[in-house]
Amino acid sequence: FSGGNLSLRVSNAFYVTPKYAGEEMRWDLLPEHLVEVSLA
């Protein structure tokens, strides 16, 4: 719960966990919480 992060590449982008995913969200995530980052 102190930190850490993970991501998954999809198409020409990746989805990464948001800030405070451990500390505040206790890793109780839904897909809409994830953040898309373009690799284009």
PDB file of all heavy atoms in Angstrom:
ATOM      1  N   PHE A   1       0.802  -1.211   0.000  1.00  0.00           N
ATOM      2  CA  PHE A   1       0.000   0.000   0.000  1.00  0.00           C
ATOM      3  C   PHE A   1       0.842   1.272   0.000  1.00  0.00           C
ATOM      4  O   PHE A   1       0.299   2.372  -0.044  1.00  0.00           O
ATOM      5  CB  PHE A   1      -0.949   0.009   1.203  1.00  0.00           C
ATOM      6  CG  PHE A   1      -1.966  -1.104   1.170  1.00  0.00           C
ATOM      7  CD1 PHE A   1      -2.430  -1.670   2.342  1.00  0.00           C
ATOM      8  CD2 PHE A   1      -2.464  -1.577  -0.034  1.00  0.00           C
ATOM      9  CE1 PHE A   1      -3.369  -2.693   2.321  1.00  0.00           C
ATOM     10  CE2 PHE A   1      -3.399  -2.597  -0.077  1.00  0.00           C
ATOM     11  CZ  PHE A   1      -3.863  -3.157   1.110  1.00  0.00           C
ATOM     12  N   SER A   2       2.163   1.138   0.067  1.00  0.00           N
ATOM     13  CA  SER A   2       3.023   2.318   0.097  1.00  0.00           C
ATOM     14  C   SER A   2       3.363   2.835  -1.295  1.00  0.00           C
ATOM     15  O   SER A   2       3.848   3.951  -1.445  1.00  0.00           O
ATOM     16  CB  SER A   2       4.318   2.006   0.856  1.00  0.00           C
ATOM     17  OG  SER A   2       5.113   1.081   0.129  1.00  0.00           O
ATOM     18  N   GLY A   3       3.139   2.022  -2.304  1.00  0.00           N
ATOM     19  CA  GLY A   3       3.472   2.471  -3.647  1.00  0.00           C
ATOM     20  C   GLY A   3       3.556   1.316  -4.619  1.00  0.00           C
ATOM     21  O   GLY A   3       3.069   0.226  -4.360  1.00  0.00           O
ATOM     22  N   GLY A   4       4.216   1.566  -5.740  1.00  0.00           N
ATOM     23  CA  GLY A   4       4.275   0.581  -6.811  1.00  0.00           C
ATOM     24  C   GLY A   4       3.306   0.939  -7.918  1.00  0.00           C
ATOM     25  O   GLY A   4       2.401   1.761  -7.737  1.00  0.00           O
ATOM     26  N   ASN A   5       3.481   0.324  -9.068  1.00  0.00           N
ATOM     27  CA  ASN A   5       2.622   0.611 -10.218  1.00  0.00           C
ATOM     28  C   ASN A   5       2.787  -0.485 -11.246  1.00  0.00           C
ATOM     29  O   ASN A   5       3.801  -1.194 -11.247  1.00  0.00           O
ATOM     30  CB  ASN A   5       2.950   1.979 -10.827  1.00  0.00           C
ATOM     31  CG  ASN A   5       4.414   2.331 -10.740  1.00  0.00           C
ATOM     32  OD1 ASN A   5       5.209   1.858 -11.532  1.00  0.00           O
ATOM     33  ND2 ASN A   5       4.779   3.128  -9.734  1.00  0.00           N
ATOM     34  N   LEU A   6       1.806  -0.638 -12.101  1.00  0.00           N
ATOM     35  CA  LEU A   6       1.912  -1.581 -13.206  1.00  0.00           C
ATOM     36  C   LEU A   6       1.200  -1.044 -14.420  1.00  0.00           C
ATOM     37  O   LEU A   6       0.367  -0.136 -14.318  1.00  0.00           O
ATOM     38  CB  LEU A   6       1.392  -2.965 -12.839  1.00  0.00           C
ATOM     39  CG  LEU A   6      -0.081  -3.166 -12.544  1.00  0.00           C
ATOM     40  CD1 LEU A   6      -0.461  -4.613 -12.824  1.00  0.00           C
ATOM     41  CD2 LEU A   6      -0.371  -2.862 -11.077  1.00  0.00           C
ATOM     42  N   SER A   7       1.551  -1.602 -15.566  1.00  0.00           N
ATOM     43  CA  SER A   7       0.969  -1.120 -16.813  1.00  0.00           C
ATOM     44  C   SER A   7       0.872  -2.254 -17.812  1.00  0.00           C
ATOM     45  O   SER A   7       1.512  -3.300 -17.665  1.00  0.00           O
ATOM     46  CB  SER A   7       1.796   0.025 -17.399  1.00  0.00           C
ATOM     47  OG  SER A   7       3.073  -0.439 -17.799  1.00  0.00           O
ATOM     48  N   LEU A   8       0.073  -1.994 -18.844  1.00  0.00           N
ATOM     49  CA  LEU A   8      -0.156  -2.974 -19.905  1.00  0.00           C
ATOM     50  C   LEU A   8      -0.199  -2.251 -21.235  1.00  0.00           C
ATOM     51  O   LEU A   8      -0.910  -1.255 -21.393  1.00  0.00           O
ATOM     52  CB  LEU A   8      -1.479  -3.697 -19.663  1.00  0.00           C
ATOM     53  CG  LEU A   8      -1.879  -4.782 -20.660  1.00  0.00           C
ATOM     54  CD1 LEU A   8      -0.943  -5.985 -20.545  1.00  0.00           C
ATOM     55  CD2 LEU A   8      -3.316  -5.220 -20.417  1.00  0.00           C
ATOM     56  N   ARG A   9       0.576  -2.760 -22.209  1.00  0.00           N
ATOM     57  CA  ARG A   9       0.547  -2.164 -23.546  1.00  0.00           C
ATOM     58  C   ARG A   9      -0.667  -2.681 -24.317  1.00  0.00           C
ATOM     59  O   ARG A   9      -0.917  -3.898 -24.351  1.00  0.00           O
ATOM     60  CB  ARG A   9       1.820  -2.540 -24.314  1.00  0.00           C
ATOM     61  CG  ARG A   9       1.921  -1.861 -25.684  1.00  0.00           C
ATOM     62  CD  ARG A   9       2.872  -2.616 -26.589  1.00  0.00           C
ATOM     63  NE  ARG A   9       4.254  -2.515 -26.186  1.00  0.00           N
ATOM     64  CZ  ARG A   9       5.134  -1.640 -26.685  1.00  0.00           C
ATOM     65  NH1 ARG A   9       4.761  -0.789 -27.602  1.00  0.00           N
ATOM     66  NH2 ARG A   9       6.388  -1.654 -26.266  1.00  0.00           N
ATOM     67  N   VAL A  10      -1.382  -1.779 -24.929  1.00  0.00           N
ATOM     68  CA  VAL A  10      -2.492  -2.141 -25.814  1.00  0.00           C
ATOM     69  C   VAL A  10      -2.417  -1.240 -27.043  1.00  0.00           C
ATOM     70  O   VAL A  10      -2.341  -0.021 -26.912  1.00  0.00           O
ATOM     71  CB  VAL A  10      -3.872  -2.008 -25.141  1.00  0.00           C
ATOM     72  CG1 VAL A  10      -4.059  -3.062 -24.075  1.00  0.00           C
ATOM     73  CG2 VAL A  10      -4.081  -0.634 -24.534  1.00  0.00           C
ATOM     74  N   SER A  11      -2.401  -1.876 -28.212  1.00  0.00           N
ATOM     75  CA  SER A  11      -2.295  -1.132 -29.456  1.00  0.00           C
ATOM     76  C   SER A  11      -1.069  -0.225 -29.387  1.00  0.00           C
ATOM     77  O   SER A  11       0.008  -0.659 -28.995  1.00  0.00           O
ATOM     78  CB  SER A  11      -3.579  -0.334 -29.703  1.00  0.00           C
ATOM     79  OG  SER A  11      -3.551   0.263 -30.974  1.00  0.00           O
ATOM     80  N   ASN A  12      -1.203   1.066 -29.715  1.00  0.00           N
ATOM     81  CA  ASN A  12      -0.077   1.985 -29.714  1.00  0.00           C
ATOM     82  C   ASN A  12      -0.109   2.899 -28.497  1.00  0.00           C
ATOM     83  O   ASN A  12       0.115   4.111 -28.586  1.00  0.00           O
ATOM     84  CB  ASN A  12      -0.074   2.825 -30.993  1.00  0.00           C
ATOM     85  CG  ASN A  12       1.316   3.366 -31.304  1.00  0.00           C
ATOM     86  OD1 ASN A  12       2.318   2.866 -30.799  1.00  0.00           O
ATOM     87  ND2 ASN A  12       1.373   4.389 -32.133  1.00  0.00           N
ATOM     88  N   ALA A  13      -0.423   2.284 -27.352  1.00  0.00           N
ATOM     89  CA  ALA A  13      -0.501   3.029 -26.096  1.00  0.00           C
ATOM     90  C   ALA A  13      -0.294   2.048 -24.952  1.00  0.00           C
ATOM     91  O   ALA A  13      -0.162   0.841 -25.168  1.00  0.00           O
ATOM     92  CB  ALA A  13      -1.856   3.722 -25.967  1.00  0.00           C
ATOM     93  N   PHE A  14      -0.232   2.568 -23.735  1.00  0.00           N
ATOM     94  CA  PHE A  14      -0.263   1.688 -22.578  1.00  0.00           C
ATOM     95  C   PHE A  14      -1.178   2.289 -21.522  1.00  0.00           C
ATOM     96  O   PHE A  14      -1.422   3.504 -21.499  1.00  0.00           O
ATOM     97  CB  PHE A  14       1.144   1.425 -22.015  1.00  0.00           C
ATOM     98  CG  PHE A  14       1.836   2.604 -21.381  1.00  0.00           C
ATOM     99  CD1 PHE A  14       1.727   2.846 -20.014  1.00  0.00           C
ATOM    100  CD2 PHE A  14       2.633   3.454 -22.138  1.00  0.00           C
ATOM    101  CE1 PHE A  14       2.386   3.909 -19.423  1.00  0.00           C
ATOM    102  CE2 PHE A  14       3.296   4.529 -21.550  1.00  0.00           C
ATOM    103  CZ  PHE A  14       3.176   4.750 -20.189  1.00  0.00           C
ATOM    104  N   TYR A  15      -1.715   1.415 -20.692  1.00  0.00           N
ATOM    105  CA  TYR A  15      -2.563   1.829 -19.576  1.00  0.00           C
ATOM    106  C   TYR A  15      -1.789   1.583 -18.287  1.00  0.00           C
ATOM    107  O   TYR A  15      -1.266   0.493 -18.063  1.00  0.00           O
ATOM    108  CB  TYR A  15      -3.873   1.052 -19.563  1.00  0.00           C
ATOM    109  CG  TYR A  15      -4.872   1.546 -20.586  1.00  0.00           C
ATOM    110  CD1 TYR A  15      -4.755   1.179 -21.926  1.00  0.00           C
ATOM    111  CD2 TYR A  15      -5.922   2.387 -20.222  1.00  0.00           C
ATOM    112  CE1 TYR A  15      -5.656   1.638 -22.878  1.00  0.00           C
ATOM    113  CE2 TYR A  15      -6.834   2.843 -21.168  1.00  0.00           C
ATOM    114  CZ  TYR A  15      -6.696   2.470 -22.490  1.00  0.00           C
ATOM    115  OH  TYR A  15      -7.592   2.925 -23.425  1.00  0.00           O
ATOM    116  N   VAL A  16      -1.725   2.615 -17.450  1.00  0.00           N
ATOM    117  CA  VAL A  16      -0.948   2.532 -16.225  1.00  0.00           C
ATOM    118  C   VAL A  16      -1.846   2.842 -15.029  1.00  0.00           C
ATOM    119  O   VAL A  16      -2.849   3.552 -15.155  1.00  0.00           O
ATOM    120  CB  VAL A  16       0.248   3.511 -16.278  1.00  0.00           C
ATOM    121  CG1 VAL A  16      -0.217   4.965 -16.312  1.00  0.00           C
ATOM    122  CG2 VAL A  16       1.217   3.273 -15.128  1.00  0.00           C
ATOM    123  N   THR A  17      -1.490   2.289 -13.879  1.00  0.00           N
ATOM    124  CA  THR A  17      -2.260   2.557 -12.670  1.00  0.00           C
ATOM    125  C   THR A  17      -2.120   4.026 -12.280  1.00  0.00           C
ATOM    126  O   THR A  17      -1.105   4.664 -12.545  1.00  0.00           O
ATOM    127  CB  THR A  17      -1.780   1.651 -11.524  1.00  0.00           C
ATOM    128  OG1 THR A  17      -0.346   1.708 -11.442  1.00  0.00           O
ATOM    129  CG2 THR A  17      -2.200   0.212 -11.766  1.00  0.00           C
ATOM    130  N   PRO A  18      -3.135   4.578 -11.622  1.00  0.00           N
ATOM    131  CA  PRO A  18      -3.106   5.996 -11.264  1.00  0.00           C
ATOM    132  C   PRO A  18      -2.282   6.258 -10.010  1.00  0.00           C
ATOM    133  O   PRO A  18      -1.856   5.328  -9.318  1.00  0.00           O
ATOM    134  CB  PRO A  18      -4.590   6.302 -11.006  1.00  0.00           C
ATOM    135  CG  PRO A  18      -5.129   5.014 -10.480  1.00  0.00           C
ATOM    136  CD  PRO A  18      -4.410   3.934 -11.262  1.00  0.00           C
ATOM    137  N   LYS A  19      -2.060   7.521  -9.727  1.00  0.00           N
ATOM    138  CA  LYS A  19      -1.410   7.909  -8.480  1.00  0.00           C
ATOM    139  C   LYS A  19      -2.225   7.400  -7.297  1.00  0.00           C
ATOM    140  O   LYS A  19      -3.460   7.354  -7.356  1.00  0.00           O
ATOM    141  CB  LYS A  19      -1.290   9.433  -8.396  1.00  0.00           C
ATOM    142  CG  LYS A  19      -0.311  10.036  -9.376  1.00  0.00           C
ATOM    143  CD  LYS A  19      -0.302  11.547  -9.263  1.00  0.00           C
ATOM    144  CE  LYS A  19       0.692  12.160 -10.240  1.00  0.00           C
ATOM    145  NZ  LYS A  19       0.646  13.642 -10.211  1.00  0.00           N
ATOM    146  N   TYR A  20      -1.536   7.016  -6.247  1.00  0.00           N
ATOM    147  CA  TYR A  20      -2.151   6.578  -4.990  1.00  0.00           C
ATOM    148  C   TYR A  20      -3.004   5.313  -5.135  1.00  0.00           C
ATOM    149  O   TYR A  20      -3.917   5.082  -4.358  1.00  0.00           O
ATOM    150  CB  TYR A  20      -3.002   7.705  -4.380  1.00  0.00           C
ATOM    151  CG  TYR A  20      -2.295   9.034  -4.360  1.00  0.00           C
ATOM    152  CD1 TYR A  20      -2.812  10.132  -5.060  1.00  0.00           C
ATOM    153  CD2 TYR A  20      -1.097   9.198  -3.671  1.00  0.00           C
ATOM    154  CE1 TYR A  20      -2.155  11.348  -5.063  1.00  0.00           C
ATOM    155  CE2 TYR A  20      -0.434  10.412  -3.662  1.00  0.00           C
ATOM    156  CZ  TYR A  20      -0.969  11.487  -4.361  1.00  0.00           C
ATOM    157  OH  TYR A  20      -0.310  12.684  -4.356  1.00  0.00           O
ATOM    158  N   ALA A  21      -2.668   4.486  -6.140  1.00  0.00           N
ATOM    159  CA  ALA A  21      -3.422   3.244  -6.337  1.00  0.00           C
ATOM    160  C   ALA A  21      -3.314   2.329  -5.129  1.00  0.00           C
ATOM    161  O   ALA A  21      -4.254   1.603  -4.802  1.00  0.00           O
ATOM    162  CB  ALA A  21      -2.940   2.513  -7.587  1.00  0.00           C
ATOM    163  N   GLY A  22      -2.181   2.363  -4.450  1.00  0.00           N
ATOM    164  CA  GLY A  22      -2.001   1.548  -3.253  1.00  0.00           C
ATOM    165  C   GLY A  22      -2.435   2.267  -2.002  1.00  0.00           C
ATOM    166  O   GLY A  22      -3.240   1.771  -1.217  1.00  0.00           O
ATOM    167  N   GLU A  23      -1.914   3.464  -1.812  1.00  0.00           N
ATOM    168  CA  GLU A  23      -2.135   4.208  -0.569  1.00  0.00           C
ATOM    169  C   GLU A  23      -3.604   4.544  -0.334  1.00  0.00           C
ATOM    170  O   GLU A  23      -4.124   4.379   0.776  1.00  0.00           O
ATOM    171  CB  GLU A  23      -1.306   5.491  -0.587  1.00  0.00           C
ATOM    172  CG  GLU A  23      -1.444   6.329   0.682  1.00  0.00           C
ATOM    173  CD  GLU A  23      -0.614   7.590   0.613  1.00  0.00           C
ATOM    174  OE1 GLU A  23       0.148   7.755  -0.362  1.00  0.00           O
ATOM    175  OE2 GLU A  23      -0.727   8.431   1.530  1.00  0.00           O
ATOM    176  N   GLU A  24      -4.289   5.033  -1.358  1.00  0.00           N
ATOM    177  CA  GLU A  24      -5.672   5.476  -1.185  1.00  0.00           C
ATOM    178  C   GLU A  24      -6.688   4.467  -1.713  1.00  0.00           C
ATOM    179  O   GLU A  24      -7.766   4.311  -1.134  1.00  0.00           O
ATOM    180  CB  GLU A  24      -5.883   6.825  -1.867  1.00  0.00           C
ATOM    181  CG  GLU A  24      -5.087   7.960  -1.228  1.00  0.00           C
ATOM    182  CD  GLU A  24      -5.398   9.302  -1.861  1.00  0.00           C
ATOM    183  OE1 GLU A  24      -6.252   9.355  -2.775  1.00  0.00           O
ATOM    184  OE2 GLU A  24      -4.766  10.304  -1.448  1.00  0.00           O
ATOM    185  N   MET A  25      -6.346   3.794  -2.795  1.00  0.00           N
ATOM    186  CA  MET A  25      -7.314   2.914  -3.439  1.00  0.00           C
ATOM    187  C   MET A  25      -7.150   1.453  -3.032  1.00  0.00           C
ATOM    188  O   MET A  25      -7.963   0.614  -3.378  1.00  0.00           O
ATOM    189  CB  MET A  25      -7.204   3.068  -4.967  1.00  0.00           C
ATOM    190  CG  MET A  25      -7.347   4.499  -5.442  1.00  0.00           C
ATOM    191  SD  MET A  25      -6.949   4.750  -7.187  1.00  0.00           S
ATOM    192  CE  MET A  25      -8.470   4.225  -7.946  1.00  0.00           C
ATOM    193  N   ARG A  26      -6.071   1.167  -2.292  1.00  0.00           N
ATOM    194  CA  ARG A  26      -5.817  -0.193  -1.804  1.00  0.00           C
ATOM    195  C   ARG A  26      -5.833  -1.227  -2.926  1.00  0.00           C
ATOM    196  O   ARG A  26      -6.237  -2.374  -2.744  1.00  0.00           O
ATOM    197  CB  ARG A  26      -6.828  -0.564  -0.715  1.00  0.00           C
ATOM    198  CG  ARG A  26      -6.839   0.391   0.465  1.00  0.00           C
ATOM    199  CD  ARG A  26      -5.518   0.334   1.205  1.00  0.00           C
ATOM    200  NE  ARG A  26      -5.542   1.154   2.424  1.00  0.00           N
ATOM    201  CZ  ARG A  26      -4.505   1.350   3.229  1.00  0.00           C
ATOM    202  NH1 ARG A  26      -3.349   0.814   2.942  1.00  0.00           N
ATOM    203  NH2 ARG A  26      -4.603   2.103   4.283  1.00  0.00           N
ATOM    204  N   TRP A  27      -5.432  -0.786  -4.108  1.00  0.00           N
ATOM    205  CA  TRP A  27      -5.374  -1.635  -5.301  1.00  0.00           C
ATOM    206  C   TRP A  27      -6.743  -2.185  -5.715  1.00  0.00           C
ATOM    207  O   TRP A  27      -6.823  -3.149  -6.468  1.00  0.00           O
ATOM    208  CB  TRP A  27      -4.365  -2.780  -5.127  1.00  0.00           C
ATOM    209  CG  TRP A  27      -2.979  -2.274  -4.941  1.00  0.00           C
ATOM    210  CD1 TRP A  27      -2.233  -2.276  -3.800  1.00  0.00           C
ATOM    211  CD2 TRP A  27      -2.169  -1.628  -5.934  1.00  0.00           C
ATOM    212  NE1 TRP A  27      -1.016  -1.680  -4.006  1.00  0.00           N
ATOM    213  CE2 TRP A  27      -0.945  -1.279  -5.318  1.00  0.00           C
ATOM    214  CE3 TRP A  27      -2.341  -1.318  -7.278  1.00  0.00           C
ATOM    215  CZ2 TRP A  27       0.089  -0.633  -5.997  1.00  0.00           C
ATOM    216  CZ3 TRP A  27      -1.314  -0.684  -7.951  1.00  0.00           C
ATOM    217  CH2 TRP A  27      -0.126  -0.355  -7.313  1.00  0.00           C
ATOM    218  N   ASP A  28      -7.805  -1.551  -5.254  1.00  0.00           N
ATOM    219  CA  ASP A  28      -9.164  -1.951  -5.638  1.00  0.00           C
ATOM    220  C   ASP A  28      -9.543  -1.158  -6.887  1.00  0.00           C
ATOM    221  O   ASP A  28     -10.301  -0.182  -6.835  1.00  0.00           O
ATOM    222  CB  ASP A  28     -10.135  -1.682  -4.491  1.00  0.00           C
ATOM    223  CG  ASP A  28     -11.524  -2.241  -4.762  1.00  0.00           C
ATOM    224  OD1 ASP A  28     -11.652  -3.113  -5.653  1.00  0.00           O
ATOM    225  OD2 ASP A  28     -12.476  -1.803  -4.101  1.00  0.00           O
ATOM    226  N   LEU A  29      -9.010  -1.589  -8.023  1.00  0.00           N
ATOM    227  CA  LEU A  29      -9.100  -0.824  -9.262  1.00  0.00           C
ATOM    228  C   LEU A  29     -10.142  -1.368 -10.227  1.00  0.00           C
ATOM    229  O   LEU A  29     -10.420  -2.566 -10.253  1.00  0.00           O
ATOM    230  CB  LEU A  29      -7.740  -0.817  -9.965  1.00  0.00           C
ATOM    231  CG  LEU A  29      -6.563  -0.211  -9.187  1.00  0.00           C
ATOM    232  CD1 LEU A  29      -5.265  -0.451  -9.955  1.00  0.00           C
ATOM    233  CD2 LEU A  29      -6.775   1.270  -8.953  1.00  0.00           C
ATOM    234  N   LEU A  30     -10.669  -0.469 -11.036  1.00  0.00           N
ATOM    235  CA  LEU A  30     -11.521  -0.801 -12.168  1.00  0.00           C
ATOM    236  C   LEU A  30     -10.835  -0.274 -13.431  1.00  0.00           C
ATOM    237  O   LEU A  30     -10.001   0.629 -13.348  1.00  0.00           O
ATOM    238  CB  LEU A  30     -12.898  -0.148 -12.020  1.00  0.00           C
ATOM    239  CG  LEU A  30     -13.772  -0.630 -10.865  1.00  0.00           C
ATOM    240  CD1 LEU A  30     -15.008   0.261 -10.747  1.00  0.00           C
ATOM    241  CD2 LEU A  30     -14.161  -2.082 -11.040  1.00  0.00           C
ATOM    242  N   PRO A  31     -11.176  -0.816 -14.602  1.00  0.00           N
ATOM    243  CA  PRO A  31     -10.530  -0.340 -15.830  1.00  0.00           C
ATOM    244  C   PRO A  31     -10.605   1.173 -16.025  1.00  0.00           C
ATOM    245  O   PRO A  31      -9.658   1.778 -16.538  1.00  0.00           O
ATOM    246  CB  PRO A  31     -11.308  -1.084 -16.929  1.00  0.00           C
ATOM    247  CG  PRO A  31     -11.695  -2.367 -16.279  1.00  0.00           C
ATOM    248  CD  PRO A  31     -12.055  -1.983 -14.870  1.00  0.00           C
ATOM    249  N   GLU A  32     -11.709   1.793 -15.602  1.00  0.00           N
ATOM    250  CA  GLU A  32     -11.843   3.238 -15.802  1.00  0.00           C
ATOM    251  C   GLU A  32     -10.934   4.066 -14.888  1.00  0.00           C
ATOM    252  O   GLU A  32     -10.783   5.269 -15.088  1.00  0.00           O
ATOM    253  CB  GLU A  32     -13.290   3.699 -15.646  1.00  0.00           C
ATOM    254  CG  GLU A  32     -13.986   3.157 -14.439  1.00  0.00           C
ATOM    255  CD  GLU A  32     -14.779   1.904 -14.748  1.00  0.00           C
ATOM    256  OE1 GLU A  32     -14.246   1.013 -15.429  1.00  0.00           O
ATOM    257  OE2 GLU A  32     -15.939   1.827 -14.311  1.00  0.00           O
ATOM    258  N   HIS A  33     -10.316   3.435 -13.908  1.00  0.00           N
ATOM    259  CA  HIS A  33      -9.344   4.140 -13.080  1.00  0.00           C
ATOM    260  C   HIS A  33      -7.991   4.237 -13.777  1.00  0.00           C
ATOM    261  O   HIS A  33      -7.176   5.098 -13.427  1.00  0.00           O
ATOM    262  CB  HIS A  33      -9.138   3.406 -11.745  1.00  0.00           C
ATOM    263  CG  HIS A  33     -10.347   3.365 -10.884  1.00  0.00           C
ATOM    264  ND1 HIS A  33     -10.734   2.233 -10.202  1.00  0.00           N
ATOM    265  CD2 HIS A  33     -11.275   4.314 -10.585  1.00  0.00           C
ATOM    266  CE1 HIS A  33     -11.839   2.483  -9.518  1.00  0.00           C
ATOM    267  NE2 HIS A  33     -12.174   3.727  -9.735  1.00  0.00           N
ATOM    268  N   LEU A  34      -7.729   3.346 -14.720  1.00  0.00           N
ATOM    269  CA  LEU A  34      -6.428   3.289 -15.383  1.00  0.00           C
ATOM    270  C   LEU A  34      -6.260   4.479 -16.313  1.00  0.00           C
ATOM    271  O   LEU A  34      -7.231   5.035 -16.827  1.00  0.00           O
ATOM    272  CB  LEU A  34      -6.289   1.983 -16.153  1.00  0.00           C
ATOM    273  CG  LEU A  34      -6.517   0.713 -15.323  1.00  0.00           C
ATOM    274  CD1 LEU A  34      -6.427  -0.514 -16.214  1.00  0.00           C
ATOM    275  CD2 LEU A  34      -5.527   0.620 -14.172  1.00  0.00           C
ATOM    276  N   VAL A  35      -5.018   4.872 -16.530  1.00  0.00           N
ATOM    277  CA  VAL A  35      -4.712   6.070 -17.309  1.00  0.00           C
ATOM    278  C   VAL A  35      -4.039   5.673 -18.617  1.00  0.00           C
ATOM    279  O   VAL A  35      -3.035   4.941 -18.613  1.00  0.00           O
ATOM    280  CB  VAL A  35      -3.800   7.017 -16.516  1.00  0.00           C
ATOM    281  CG1 VAL A  35      -3.551   8.299 -17.314  1.00  0.00           C
ATOM    282  CG2 VAL A  35      -4.413   7.348 -15.158  1.00  0.00           C
ATOM    283  N   GLU A  36      -4.568   6.139 -19.724  1.00  0.00           N
ATOM    284  CA  GLU A  36      -4.002   5.837 -21.039  1.00  0.00           C
ATOM    285  C   GLU A  36      -2.868   6.802 -21.370  1.00  0.00           C
ATOM    286  O   GLU A  36      -2.993   8.011 -21.186  1.00  0.00           O
ATOM    287  CB  GLU A  36      -5.085   5.931 -22.111  1.00  0.00           C
ATOM    288  CG  GLU A  36      -4.586   5.568 -23.508  1.00  0.00           C
ATOM    289  CD  GLU A  36      -5.671   5.665 -24.563  1.00  0.00           C
ATOM    290  OE1 GLU A  36      -6.765   6.167 -24.241  1.00  0.00           O
ATOM    291  OE2 GLU A  36      -5.397   5.251 -25.706  1.00  0.00           O
ATOM    292  N   VAL A  37      -1.778   6.241 -21.859  1.00  0.00           N
ATOM    293  CA  VAL A  37      -0.627   7.041 -22.289  1.00  0.00           C
ATOM    294  C   VAL A  37      -0.263   6.620 -23.706  1.00  0.00           C
ATOM    295  O   VAL A  37      -0.006   5.440 -23.960  1.00  0.00           O
ATOM    296  CB  VAL A  37       0.584   6.843 -21.354  1.00  0.00           C
ATOM    297  CG1 VAL A  37       1.762   7.682 -21.843  1.00  0.00           C
ATOM    298  CG2 VAL A  37       0.222   7.201 -19.920  1.00  0.00           C
ATOM    299  N   SER A  38      -0.228   7.556 -24.613  1.00  0.00           N
ATOM    300  CA  SER A  38       0.056   7.250 -26.012  1.00  0.00           C
ATOM    301  C   SER A  38       1.533   6.949 -26.218  1.00  0.00           C
ATOM    302  O   SER A  38       2.408   7.557 -25.609  1.00  0.00           O
ATOM    303  CB  SER A  38      -0.351   8.430 -26.900  1.00  0.00           C
ATOM    304  OG  SER A  38       0.036   8.190 -28.246  1.00  0.00           O
ATOM    305  N   LEU A  39       1.800   5.999 -27.120  1.00  0.00           N
ATOM    306  CA  LEU A  39       3.153   5.680 -27.544  1.00  0.00           C
ATOM    307  C   LEU A  39       3.377   6.063 -28.998  1.00  0.00           C
ATOM    308  O   LEU A  39       4.401   5.736 -29.589  1.00  0.00           O
ATOM    309  CB  LEU A  39       3.425   4.189 -27.366  1.00  0.00           C
ATOM    310  CG  LEU A  39       3.504   3.674 -25.920  1.00  0.00           C
ATOM    311  CD1 LEU A  39       3.489   2.152 -25.905  1.00  0.00           C
ATOM    312  CD2 LEU A  39       4.751   4.204 -25.221  1.00  0.00           C
ATOM    313  N   ALA A  40       2.418   6.769 -29.575  1.00  0.00           N
ATOM    314  CA  ALA A  40       2.464   7.078 -30.999  1.00  0.00           C
ATOM    315  C   ALA A  40       3.634   7.988 -31.355  1.00  0.00           C
ATOM    316  O   ALA A  40       4.188   7.907 -32.452  1.00  0.00           O
ATOM    317  CB  ALA A  40       1.150   7.711 -31.438  1.00  0.00           C
TER     318      ALA A  40
END
